[in-house]
PDB file of N, CA and C in Angstrom:
ATOM      1  N   UNK A   1     108.131  13.419-252.651  1.00  0.00           N
ATOM      2  CA  UNK A   1     108.185  14.156-251.643  1.00  0.00           C
ATOM      3  C   UNK A   1     108.433  13.495-250.535  1.00  0.00           C
ATOM      4  N   UNK A   2     107.525  12.609-249.989  1.00  0.00           N
ATOM      5  CA  UNK A   2     107.568  11.576-249.049  1.00  0.00           C
ATOM      6  C   UNK A   2     108.677  10.570-249.057  1.00  0.00           C
ATOM      7  N   UNK A   3     109.075  10.103-250.511  1.00  0.00           N
ATOM      8  CA  UNK A   3     110.366   9.192-250.656  1.00  0.00           C
ATOM      9  C   UNK A   3     111.464   9.881-250.305  1.00  0.00           C
ATOM     10  N   UNK A   4     111.570  11.204-250.602  1.00  0.00           N
ATOM     11  CA  UNK A   4     112.839  11.851-250.416  1.00  0.00           C
ATOM     12  C   UNK A   4     113.045  12.097-248.837  1.00  0.00           C
ATOM     13  N   UNK A   5     111.804  12.439-248.157  1.00  0.00           N
ATOM     14  CA  UNK A   5     111.830  12.392-246.459  1.00  0.00           C
ATOM     15  C   UNK A   5     112.415  11.246-245.892  1.00  0.00           C
ATOM     16  N   UNK A   6     111.673  10.045-246.281  1.00  0.00           N
ATOM     17  CA  UNK A   6     111.902   8.657-245.700  1.00  0.00           C
ATOM     18  C   UNK A   6     113.642   8.559-246.131  1.00  0.00           C
ATOM     19  N   UNK A   7     114.010   8.647-247.444  1.00  0.00           N
ATOM     20  CA  UNK A   7     114.983   8.299-247.652  1.00  0.00           C
ATOM     21  C   UNK A   7     116.143   9.012-246.761  1.00  0.00           C
ATOM     22  N   UNK A   8     115.957  10.525-246.629  1.00  0.00           N
ATOM     23  CA  UNK A   8     116.935  11.214-245.662  1.00  0.00           C
ATOM     24  C   UNK A   8     116.900  10.767-244.283  1.00  0.00           C
ATOM     25  N   UNK A   9     115.632  10.528-243.787  1.00  0.00           N
ATOM     26  CA  UNK A   9     115.877   9.657-242.422  1.00  0.00           C
ATOM     27  C   UNK A   9     116.639   8.603-242.161  1.00  0.00           C
ATOM     28  N   UNK A  10     116.176   7.625-243.354  1.00  0.00           N
ATOM     29  CA  UNK A  10     117.069   6.378-243.482  1.00  0.00           C
ATOM     30  C   UNK A  10     118.399   6.618-243.609  1.00  0.00           C
ATOM     31  N   UNK A  11     119.045   7.774-244.348  1.00  0.00           N
ATOM     32  CA  UNK A  11     120.418   8.145-244.392  1.00  0.00           C
ATOM     33  C   UNK A  11     121.112   8.323-243.195  1.00  0.00           C
ATOM     34  N   UNK A  12     120.237   9.228-242.420  1.00  0.00           N
ATOM     35  CA  UNK A  12     120.549   9.788-241.128  1.00  0.00           C
ATOM     36  C   UNK A  12     120.989   8.738-240.234  1.00  0.00           C
ATOM     37  N   UNK A  13     120.024   7.829-240.281  1.00  0.00           N
ATOM     38  CA  UNK A  13     119.781   6.643-239.129  1.00  0.00           C
ATOM     39  C   UNK A  13     121.173   5.867-239.417  1.00  0.00           C
ATOM     40  N   UNK A  14     121.548   5.739-240.536  1.00  0.00           N
ATOM     41  CA  UNK A  14     122.630   5.047-241.117  1.00  0.00           C
ATOM     42  C   UNK A  14     123.868   5.538-240.498  1.00  0.00           C
ATOM     43  N   UNK A  15     123.960   6.910-240.646  1.00  0.00           N
ATOM     44  CA  UNK A  15     125.096   7.582-240.389  1.00  0.00           C
ATOM     45  C   UNK A  15     125.337   7.723-238.734  1.00  0.00           C
ATOM     46  N   UNK A  16     124.292   7.854-238.053  1.00  0.00           N
ATOM     47  CA  UNK A  16     124.245   7.787-236.628  1.00  0.00           C
ATOM     48  C   UNK A  16     124.614   6.471-236.038  1.00  0.00           C
ATOM     49  N   UNK A  17     124.301   5.211-236.790  1.00  0.00           N
ATOM     50  CA  UNK A  17     124.471   4.116-236.428  1.00  0.00           C
ATOM     51  C   UNK A  17     125.884   3.808-236.562  1.00  0.00           C
ATOM     52  N   UNK A  18     126.629   4.183-237.808  1.00  0.00           N
ATOM     53  CA  UNK A  18     127.962   4.064-238.233  1.00  0.00           C
ATOM     54  C   UNK A  18     128.820   4.858-237.271  1.00  0.00           C
ATOM     55  N   UNK A  19     128.423   5.929-236.854  1.00  0.00           N
ATOM     56  CA  UNK A  19     129.290   6.835-235.849  1.00  0.00           C
ATOM     57  C   UNK A  19     129.244   5.994-234.469  1.00  0.00           C
ATOM     58  N   UNK A  20     127.936   5.582-234.149  1.00  0.00           N
ATOM     59  CA  UNK A  20     128.022   4.735-232.536  1.00  0.00           C
ATOM     60  C   UNK A  20     128.874   3.573-232.786  1.00  0.00           C
ATOM     61  N   UNK A  21     128.832   2.844-233.944  1.00  0.00           N
ATOM     62  CA  UNK A  21     129.690   1.655-233.833  1.00  0.00           C
ATOM     63  C   UNK A  21     131.316   1.942-233.936  1.00  0.00           C
ATOM     64  N   UNK A  22     131.420   3.128-234.636  1.00  0.00           N
ATOM     65  CA  UNK A  22     132.886   3.596-234.614  1.00  0.00           C
ATOM     66  C   UNK A  22     133.202   3.795-233.294  1.00  0.00           C
ATOM     67  N   UNK A  23     132.399   4.526-232.417  1.00  0.00           N
ATOM     68  CA  UNK A  23     132.691   4.939-231.250  1.00  0.00           C
ATOM     69  C   UNK A  23     132.994   3.871-230.059  1.00  0.00           C
ATOM     70  N   UNK A  24     132.182   2.870-230.245  1.00  0.00           N
ATOM     71  CA  UNK A  24     132.211   1.833-229.582  1.00  0.00           C
ATOM     72  C   UNK A  24     133.629   0.819-229.728  1.00  0.00           C
ATOM     73  N   UNK A  25     133.921   0.849-231.215  1.00  0.00           N
ATOM     74  CA  UNK A  25     135.028  -0.135-231.479  1.00  0.00           C
ATOM     75  C   UNK A  25     136.291   0.718-230.642  1.00  0.00           C
ATOM     76  N   UNK A  26     136.282   2.251-230.986  1.00  0.00           N
ATOM     77  CA  UNK A  26     137.391   2.976-230.834  1.00  0.00           C
ATOM     78  C   UNK A  26     137.552   2.932-229.038  1.00  0.00           C
ATOM     79  N   UNK A  27     136.490   2.795-228.535  1.00  0.00           N
ATOM     80  CA  UNK A  27     136.422   2.817-227.001  1.00  0.00           C
ATOM     81  C   UNK A  27     137.058   1.567-226.514  1.00  0.00           C
ATOM     82  N   UNK A  28     136.697   0.360-227.012  1.00  0.00           N
ATOM     83  CA  UNK A  28     137.126  -0.775-226.702  1.00  0.00           C
ATOM     84  C   UNK A  28     138.299  -1.060-226.890  1.00  0.00           C
ATOM     85  N   UNK A  29     139.060  -0.315-228.057  1.00  0.00           N
ATOM     86  CA  UNK A  29     140.479  -0.612-228.642  1.00  0.00           C
ATOM     87  C   UNK A  29     141.364   0.450-227.694  1.00  0.00           C
ATOM     88  N   UNK A  30     140.937   1.652-227.286  1.00  0.00           N
ATOM     89  CA  UNK A  30     141.826   2.453-226.442  1.00  0.00           C
ATOM     90  C   UNK A  30     141.844   2.244-224.848  1.00  0.00           C
ATOM     91  N   UNK A  31     140.803   1.496-224.360  1.00  0.00           N
ATOM     92  CA  UNK A  31     140.773   1.361-222.934  1.00  0.00           C
ATOM     93  C   UNK A  31     141.634   0.121-222.473  1.00  0.00           C
ATOM     94  N   UNK A  32     142.428   0.269-221.600  1.00  0.00           N
ATOM     95  CA  UNK A  32     143.434  -0.874-221.069  1.00  0.00           C
ATOM     96  C   UNK A  32     142.535  -2.178-220.667  1.00  0.00           C
ATOM     97  N   UNK A  33     143.291  -3.435-220.918  1.00  0.00           N
ATOM     98  CA  UNK A  33     142.509  -4.535-220.416  1.00  0.00           C
ATOM     99  C   UNK A  33     142.553  -4.696-218.908  1.00  0.00           C
ATOM    100  N   UNK A  34     143.919  -4.427-218.403  1.00  0.00           N
ATOM    101  CA  UNK A  34     143.787  -4.355-216.982  1.00  0.00           C
ATOM    102  C   UNK A  34     143.989  -3.099-216.224  1.00  0.00           C
ATOM    103  N   UNK A  35     143.408  -2.608-215.116  1.00  0.00           N
ATOM    104  CA  UNK A  35     143.486  -1.259-214.858  1.00  0.00           C
ATOM    105  C   UNK A  35     144.454  -1.400-213.563  1.00  0.00           C
ATOM    106  N   UNK A  36     145.402  -0.437-213.699  1.00  0.00           N
ATOM    107  CA  UNK A  36     146.462  -0.244-212.562  1.00  0.00           C
ATOM    108  C   UNK A  36     146.169   0.935-211.935  1.00  0.00           C
ATOM    109  N   UNK A  37     146.580   1.119-210.685  1.00  0.00           N
ATOM    110  CA  UNK A  37     146.656   2.488-209.766  1.00  0.00           C
ATOM    111  C   UNK A  37     147.371   3.465-210.346  1.00  0.00           C
ATOM    112  N   UNK A  38     146.800   4.538-210.419  1.00  0.00           N
ATOM    113  CA  UNK A  38     147.669   5.613-210.778  1.00  0.00           C
ATOM    114  C   UNK A  38     147.246   7.033-209.950  1.00  0.00           C
ATOM    115  N   UNK A  39     148.043   8.157-210.123  1.00  0.00           N
ATOM    116  CA  UNK A  39     148.079   9.130-209.228  1.00  0.00           C
ATOM    117  C   UNK A  39     148.019  10.327-209.915  1.00  0.00           C
ATOM    118  N   UNK A  40     147.042  11.391-209.697  1.00  0.00           N
ATOM    119  CA  UNK A  40     147.182  12.780-210.441  1.00  0.00           C
ATOM    120  C   UNK A  40     147.567  13.788-209.232  1.00  0.00           C
ATOM    121  N   UNK A  41     148.490  14.353-209.609  1.00  0.00           N
ATOM    122  CA  UNK A  41     149.393  15.473-208.776  1.00  0.00           C
ATOM    123  C   UNK A  41     148.629  16.554-208.938  1.00  0.00           C
ATOM    124  N   UNK A  42     148.075  17.414-207.886  1.00  0.00           N
ATOM    125  CA  UNK A  42     147.604  18.859-208.057  1.00  0.00           C
ATOM    126  C   UNK A  42     148.657  19.648-206.945  1.00  0.00           C
ATOM    127  N   UNK A  43     149.650  20.326-207.428  1.00  0.00           N
ATOM    128  CA  UNK A  43     150.243  21.254-206.574  1.00  0.00           C
ATOM    129  C   UNK A  43     149.450  22.477-206.145  1.00  0.00           C
ATOM    130  N   UNK A  44     149.591  22.913-205.068  1.00  0.00           N
ATOM    131  CA  UNK A  44     148.680  23.941-204.290  1.00  0.00           C
ATOM    132  C   UNK A  44     149.781  24.942-203.823  1.00  0.00           C
ATOM    133  N   UNK A  45     149.593  25.993-203.955  1.00  0.00           N
ATOM    134  CA  UNK A  45     150.458  27.024-203.385  1.00  0.00           C
ATOM    135  C   UNK A  45     149.477  28.475-202.789  1.00  0.00           C
ATOM    136  N   UNK A  46     150.069  29.254-202.161  1.00  0.00           N
ATOM    137  CA  UNK A  46     149.370  30.157-201.592  1.00  0.00           C
ATOM    138  C   UNK A  46     148.746  31.102-203.095  1.00  0.00           C
ATOM    139  N   UNK A  47     149.216  30.924-203.965  1.00  0.00           N
ATOM    140  CA  UNK A  47     148.498  31.957-205.224  1.00  0.00           C
ATOM    141  C   UNK A  47     147.392  30.838-205.899  1.00  0.00           C
ATOM    142  N   UNK A  48     147.169  29.713-205.490  1.00  0.00           N
ATOM    143  CA  UNK A  48     146.124  28.723-206.051  1.00  0.00           C
ATOM    144  C   UNK A  48     144.824  29.513-205.797  1.00  0.00           C
ATOM    145  N   UNK A  49     143.788  29.427-206.827  1.00  0.00           N
ATOM    146  CA  UNK A  49     142.475  29.883-206.532  1.00  0.00           C
ATOM    147  C   UNK A  49     141.440  28.860-206.743  1.00  0.00           C
ATOM    148  N   UNK A  50     140.192  28.911-206.092  1.00  0.00           N
ATOM    149  CA  UNK A  50     139.210  27.945-206.211  1.00  0.00           C
ATOM    150  C   UNK A  50     139.686  26.531-205.755  1.00  0.00           C
ATOM    151  N   UNK A  51     139.772  26.221-204.639  1.00  0.00           N
ATOM    152  CA  UNK A  51     140.472  24.955-204.107  1.00  0.00           C
ATOM    153  C   UNK A  51     139.406  23.839-204.420  1.00  0.00           C
ATOM    154  N   UNK A  52     138.127  24.060-203.989  1.00  0.00           N
ATOM    155  CA  UNK A  52     137.185  23.033-204.240  1.00  0.00           C
ATOM    156  C   UNK A  52     137.041  22.568-205.738  1.00  0.00           C
ATOM    157  N   UNK A  53     136.668  23.422-206.779  1.00  0.00           N
ATOM    158  CA  UNK A  53     136.634  22.972-208.044  1.00  0.00           C
ATOM    159  C   UNK A  53     137.998  22.205-208.429  1.00  0.00           C
ATOM    160  N   UNK A  54     138.998  22.651-208.168  1.00  0.00           N
ATOM    161  CA  UNK A  54     140.356  22.086-208.588  1.00  0.00           C
ATOM    162  C   UNK A  54     140.361  20.808-208.274  1.00  0.00           C
ATOM    163  N   UNK A  55     139.841  20.198-207.050  1.00  0.00           N
ATOM    164  CA  UNK A  55     139.911  18.999-206.544  1.00  0.00           C
ATOM    165  C   UNK A  55     138.599  18.111-207.132  1.00  0.00           C
ATOM    166  N   UNK A  56     137.600  18.681-207.208  1.00  0.00           N
ATOM    167  CA  UNK A  56     136.312  17.905-207.611  1.00  0.00           C
ATOM    168  C   UNK A  56     136.447  17.750-209.274  1.00  0.00           C
ATOM    169  N   UNK A  57     136.996  18.606-209.732  1.00  0.00           N
ATOM    170  CA  UNK A  57     137.082  18.410-211.282  1.00  0.00           C
ATOM    171  C   UNK A  57     137.669  17.125-211.797  1.00  0.00           C
ATOM    172  N   UNK A  58     138.951  16.602-211.431  1.00  0.00           N
ATOM    173  CA  UNK A  58     139.421  15.420-211.559  1.00  0.00           C
ATOM    174  C   UNK A  58     138.845  14.270-211.232  1.00  0.00           C
ATOM    175  N   UNK A  59     138.156  14.504-209.968  1.00  0.00           N
ATOM    176  CA  UNK A  59     137.516  13.250-209.230  1.00  0.00           C
ATOM    177  C   UNK A  59     136.021  13.195-210.159  1.00  0.00           C
ATOM    178  N   UNK A  60     135.412  14.281-210.643  1.00  0.00           N
ATOM    179  CA  UNK A  60     134.347  14.117-211.680  1.00  0.00           C
ATOM    180  C   UNK A  60     134.812  13.261-212.707  1.00  0.00           C
ATOM    181  N   UNK A  61     136.049  13.652-213.257  1.00  0.00           N
ATOM    182  CA  UNK A  61     136.399  12.923-214.564  1.00  0.00           C
ATOM    183  C   UNK A  61     136.763  11.478-214.417  1.00  0.00           C
ATOM    184  N   UNK A  62     137.334  11.243-213.150  1.00  0.00           N
ATOM    185  CA  UNK A  62     137.808   9.746-212.769  1.00  0.00           C
ATOM    186  C   UNK A  62     136.434   8.847-212.864  1.00  0.00           C
ATOM    187  N   UNK A  63     135.292   9.703-211.982  1.00  0.00           N
ATOM    188  CA  UNK A  63     134.025   9.026-211.716  1.00  0.00           C
ATOM    189  C   UNK A  63     133.333   8.736-213.375  1.00  0.00           C
ATOM    190  N   UNK A  64     133.510   9.785-214.178  1.00  0.00           N
ATOM    191  CA  UNK A  64     132.736   9.341-215.490  1.00  0.00           C
ATOM    192  C   UNK A  64     133.596   8.160-216.443  1.00  0.00           C
ATOM    193  N   UNK A  65     134.736   8.198-216.113  1.00  0.00           N
ATOM    194  CA  UNK A  65     135.566   7.148-216.958  1.00  0.00           C
ATOM    195  C   UNK A  65     135.370   5.906-216.259  1.00  0.00           C
ATOM    196  N   UNK A  66     134.989   5.811-214.842  1.00  0.00           N
ATOM    197  CA  UNK A  66     134.982   4.728-214.119  1.00  0.00           C
ATOM    198  C   UNK A  66     136.047   4.078-213.425  1.00  0.00           C
ATOM    199  N   UNK A  67     137.226   5.021-213.155  1.00  0.00           N
ATOM    200  CA  UNK A  67     138.332   4.887-212.755  1.00  0.00           C
ATOM    201  C   UNK A  67     138.377   5.353-211.263  1.00  0.00           C
ATOM    202  N   UNK A  68     137.076   5.501-210.582  1.00  0.00           N
ATOM    203  CA  UNK A  68     137.295   6.016-209.286  1.00  0.00           C
ATOM    204  C   UNK A  68     137.947   5.331-208.173  1.00  0.00           C
ATOM    205  N   UNK A  69     137.935   3.858-208.373  1.00  0.00           N
ATOM    206  CA  UNK A  69     138.691   2.971-207.503  1.00  0.00           C
ATOM    207  C   UNK A  69     140.223   2.770-207.830  1.00  0.00           C
ATOM    208  N   UNK A  70     140.471   3.219-208.960  1.00  0.00           N
ATOM    209  CA  UNK A  70     141.995   2.982-209.276  1.00  0.00           C
ATOM    210  C   UNK A  70     142.502   4.264-209.234  1.00  0.00           C
ATOM    211  N   UNK A  71     142.091   5.541-209.539  1.00  0.00           N
ATOM    212  CA  UNK A  71     142.844   6.824-209.865  1.00  0.00           C
ATOM    213  C   UNK A  71     142.732   7.497-208.394  1.00  0.00           C
ATOM    214  N   UNK A  72     143.987   7.957-208.108  1.00  0.00           N
ATOM    215  CA  UNK A  72     144.028   8.642-206.604  1.00  0.00           C
ATOM    216  C   UNK A  72     144.486  10.167-206.927  1.00  0.00           C
ATOM    217  N   UNK A  73     143.773  11.041-206.421  1.00  0.00           N
ATOM    218  CA  UNK A  73     144.382  12.417-206.464  1.00  0.00           C
ATOM    219  C   UNK A  73     145.161  12.897-205.291  1.00  0.00           C
ATOM    220  N   UNK A  74     146.342  13.501-205.597  1.00  0.00           N
ATOM    221  CA  UNK A  74     147.325  13.686-204.332  1.00  0.00           C
ATOM    222  C   UNK A  74     147.515  15.034-204.790  1.00  0.00           C
ATOM    223  N   UNK A  75     146.918  15.768-203.470  1.00  0.00           N
ATOM    224  CA  UNK A  75     147.094  17.381-203.467  1.00  0.00           C
ATOM    225  C   UNK A  75     148.443  17.843-202.716  1.00  0.00           C
ATOM    226  N   UNK A  76     149.360  18.322-203.322  1.00  0.00           N
ATOM    227  CA  UNK A  76     150.644  18.599-202.832  1.00  0.00           C
ATOM    228  C   UNK A  76     150.586  19.905-202.322  1.00  0.00           C
ATOM    229  N   UNK A  77     150.749  20.133-200.925  1.00  0.00           N
ATOM    230  CA  UNK A  77     150.725  21.403-200.385  1.00  0.00           C
ATOM    231  C   UNK A  77     152.407  22.027-200.522  1.00  0.00           C
ATOM    232  N   UNK A  78     152.268  23.177-201.191  1.00  0.00           N
ATOM    233  CA  UNK A  78     153.395  23.569-201.276  1.00  0.00           C
ATOM    234  C   UNK A  78     153.371  25.209-200.530  1.00  0.00           C
ATOM    235  N   UNK A  79     152.597  25.363-199.675  1.00  0.00           N
ATOM    236  CA  UNK A  79     152.621  26.588-198.818  1.00  0.00           C
ATOM    237  C   UNK A  79     151.176  26.917-198.907  1.00  0.00           C
ATOM    238  N   UNK A  80     150.011  26.579-198.793  1.00  0.00           N
ATOM    239  CA  UNK A  80     148.841  27.101-198.711  1.00  0.00           C
ATOM    240  C   UNK A  80     148.499  27.552-197.203  1.00  0.00           C
ATOM    241  N   UNK A  81     147.586  28.542-197.230  1.00  0.00           N
ATOM    242  CA  UNK A  81     147.024  29.009-195.977  1.00  0.00           C
ATOM    243  C   UNK A  81     146.495  27.829-195.125  1.00  0.00           C
ATOM    244  N   UNK A  82     146.190  28.364-193.656  1.00  0.00           N
ATOM    245  CA  UNK A  82     145.504  27.320-192.969  1.00  0.00           C
ATOM    246  C   UNK A  82     144.002  27.256-193.438  1.00  0.00           C
ATOM    247  N   UNK A  83     143.383  28.408-193.896  1.00  0.00           N
ATOM    248  CA  UNK A  83     142.106  28.111-194.071  1.00  0.00           C
ATOM    249  C   UNK A  83     141.878  27.249-195.330  1.00  0.00           C
ATOM    250  N   UNK A  84     142.720  27.271-196.312  1.00  0.00           N
ATOM    251  CA  UNK A  84     142.769  26.532-197.626  1.00  0.00           C
ATOM    252  C   UNK A  84     142.900  25.067-197.152  1.00  0.00           C
ATOM    253  N   UNK A  85     143.927  24.914-196.261  1.00  0.00           N
ATOM    254  CA  UNK A  85     144.253  23.472-195.870  1.00  0.00           C
ATOM    255  C   UNK A  85     142.981  23.010-194.983  1.00  0.00           C
ATOM    256  N   UNK A  86     142.182  23.827-194.219  1.00  0.00           N
ATOM    257  CA  UNK A  86     141.157  23.300-193.568  1.00  0.00           C
ATOM    258  C   UNK A  86     139.971  22.748-194.679  1.00  0.00           C
ATOM    259  N   UNK A  87     140.020  23.697-195.676  1.00  0.00           N
ATOM    260  CA  UNK A  87     138.873  23.241-196.692  1.00  0.00           C
ATOM    261  C   UNK A  87     139.389  22.037-197.553  1.00  0.00           C
ATOM    262  N   UNK A  88     140.684  21.755-197.740  1.00  0.00           N
ATOM    263  CA  UNK A  88     141.225  20.523-198.391  1.00  0.00           C
ATOM    264  C   UNK A  88     141.222  19.391-197.460  1.00  0.00           C
ATOM    265  N   UNK A  89     141.287  19.474-196.214  1.00  0.00           N
ATOM    266  CA  UNK A  89     140.944  18.500-195.283  1.00  0.00           C
ATOM    267  C   UNK A  89     139.760  17.963-195.205  1.00  0.00           C
ATOM    268  N   UNK A  90     138.687  18.947-195.457  1.00  0.00           N
ATOM    269  CA  UNK A  90     136.989  18.571-195.474  1.00  0.00           C
ATOM    270  C   UNK A  90     136.926  17.972-196.653  1.00  0.00           C
ATOM    271  N   UNK A  91     137.576  18.389-197.836  1.00  0.00           N
ATOM    272  CA  UNK A  91     137.580  17.566-198.819  1.00  0.00           C
ATOM    273  C   UNK A  91     137.865  16.156-198.926  1.00  0.00           C
ATOM    274  N   UNK A  92     138.936  15.823-198.404  1.00  0.00           N
ATOM    275  CA  UNK A  92     139.453  14.757-198.136  1.00  0.00           C
ATOM    276  C   UNK A  92     138.864  13.810-197.297  1.00  0.00           C
ATOM    277  N   UNK A  93     138.114  14.062-196.343  1.00  0.00           N
ATOM    278  CA  UNK A  93     137.293  13.552-195.473  1.00  0.00           C
ATOM    279  C   UNK A  93     135.977  13.134-196.201  1.00  0.00           C
ATOM    280  N   UNK A  94     135.518  14.255-197.118  1.00  0.00           N
ATOM    281  CA  UNK A  94     134.259  13.782-197.826  1.00  0.00           C
ATOM    282  C   UNK A  94     134.288  12.770-198.848  1.00  0.00           C
ATOM    283  N   UNK A  95     135.361  12.773-199.513  1.00  0.00           N
ATOM    284  CA  UNK A  95     135.696  11.767-200.778  1.00  0.00           C
ATOM    285  C   UNK A  95     136.779  10.878-200.474  1.00  0.00           C
ATOM    286  N   UNK A  96     136.380   9.810-201.169  1.00  0.00           N
ATOM    287  CA  UNK A  96     137.699   8.636-201.039  1.00  0.00           C
ATOM    288  C   UNK A  96     138.482   8.918-202.380  1.00  0.00           C
ATOM    289  N   UNK A  97     139.771   9.003-202.221  1.00  0.00           N
ATOM    290  CA  UNK A  97     140.762   9.107-203.276  1.00  0.00           C
ATOM    291  C   UNK A  97     141.419  10.186-203.507  1.00  0.00           C
ATOM    292  N   UNK A  98     141.028  11.333-202.429  1.00  0.00           N
ATOM    293  CA  UNK A  98     141.873  12.777-202.522  1.00  0.00           C
ATOM    294  C   UNK A  98     142.610  12.922-201.113  1.00  0.00           C
ATOM    295  N   UNK A  99     143.817  13.016-201.445  1.00  0.00           N
ATOM    296  CA  UNK A  99     144.798  12.953-200.461  1.00  0.00           C
ATOM    297  C   UNK A  99     145.786  14.260-200.350  1.00  0.00           C
ATOM    298  N   UNK A 100     145.681  14.963-198.911  1.00  0.00           N
ATOM    299  CA  UNK A 100     146.637  15.946-198.860  1.00  0.00           C
ATOM    300  C   UNK A 100     147.921  15.591-198.314  1.00  0.00           C
ATOM    301  N   UNK A 101     148.961  15.842-199.304  1.00  0.00           N
ATOM    302  CA  UNK A 101     150.426  15.576-198.632  1.00  0.00           C
ATOM    303  C   UNK A 101     151.197  16.993-198.662  1.00  0.00           C
ATOM    304  N   UNK A 102     151.978  16.961-197.691  1.00  0.00           N
ATOM    305  CA  UNK A 102     152.898  18.044-197.814  1.00  0.00           C
ATOM    306  C   UNK A 102     154.225  17.897-198.585  1.00  0.00           C
ATOM    307  N   UNK A 103     154.719  18.824-199.163  1.00  0.00           N
ATOM    308  CA  UNK A 103     155.902  18.677-200.212  1.00  0.00           C
ATOM    309  C   UNK A 103     156.960  17.858-199.445  1.00  0.00           C
ATOM    310  N   UNK A 104     157.225  18.100-198.148  1.00  0.00           N
ATOM    311  CA  UNK A 104     158.544  17.454-197.565  1.00  0.00           C
ATOM    312  C   UNK A 104     158.091  16.002-197.412  1.00  0.00           C
ATOM    313  N   UNK A 105     156.688  15.411-197.167  1.00  0.00           N
ATOM    314  CA  UNK A 105     156.441  14.145-197.008  1.00  0.00           C
ATOM    315  C   UNK A 105     155.954  13.265-198.264  1.00  0.00           C
ATOM    316  N   UNK A 106     156.301  13.796-199.400  1.00  0.00           N
ATOM    317  CA  UNK A 106     155.765  13.141-200.512  1.00  0.00           C
ATOM    318  C   UNK A 106     156.613  11.760-200.469  1.00  0.00           C
ATOM    319  N   UNK A 107     157.912  11.959-200.408  1.00  0.00           N
ATOM    320  CA  UNK A 107     158.677  10.578-200.681  1.00  0.00           C
ATOM    321  C   UNK A 107     158.140   9.643-199.564  1.00  0.00           C
ATOM    322  N   UNK A 108     158.027   9.942-198.482  1.00  0.00           N
ATOM    323  CA  UNK A 108     157.643   9.027-197.408  1.00  0.00           C
ATOM    324  C   UNK A 108     156.213   8.525-197.916  1.00  0.00           C
ATOM    325  N   UNK A 109     155.240   9.423-198.390  1.00  0.00           N
ATOM    326  CA  UNK A 109     153.811   8.843-198.717  1.00  0.00           C
ATOM    327  C   UNK A 109     154.008   7.565-199.714  1.00  0.00           C
ATOM    328  N   UNK A 110     154.850   8.013-200.669  1.00  0.00           N
ATOM    329  CA  UNK A 110     154.958   6.680-201.732  1.00  0.00           C
ATOM    330  C   UNK A 110     155.873   5.768-201.692  1.00  0.00           C
ATOM    331  N   UNK A 111     156.556   5.793-200.440  1.00  0.00           N
ATOM    332  CA  UNK A 111     157.605   4.674-200.127  1.00  0.00           C
ATOM    333  C   UNK A 111     157.020   3.271-199.870  1.00  0.00           C
ATOM    334  N   UNK A 112     155.808   3.122-199.200  1.00  0.00           N
ATOM    335  CA  UNK A 112     155.071   2.104-198.935  1.00  0.00           C
ATOM    336  C   UNK A 112     154.160   1.627-200.017  1.00  0.00           C
ATOM    337  N   UNK A 113     153.852   2.475-201.142  1.00  0.00           N
ATOM    338  CA  UNK A 113     153.029   2.468-201.759  1.00  0.00           C
ATOM    339  C   UNK A 113     153.438   1.792-203.398  1.00  0.00           C
ATOM    340  N   UNK A 114     154.774   1.950-203.672  1.00  0.00           N
ATOM    341  CA  UNK A 114     155.304   1.758-204.829  1.00  0.00           C
ATOM    342  C   UNK A 114     156.151   0.610-204.800  1.00  0.00           C
TER     343      UNK A 114
END
């Protein structure tokens, strides 16, 4: 009975180790060697809901991936209300990497960056 228990614990440890090694190898293979800047566009209009969570969700994912200095979130203003615009501007001031750009000025925003 004790031998079967020790054997099953040993097999479980081997399986966990194998899965961990496969995960590390896949992570090393899939991550790019050099990191380039990239942009995530979030179009917002007057029908958009839950403005704060919509912007903090991608920022949290960027932080978890370690790309917080390379990834930029651009919120595209497609006719949001003044109250939502003030909330978005407050979010932009609080966090680095989230920008509010009006639809008309999108080309001007990227002319100097690309």
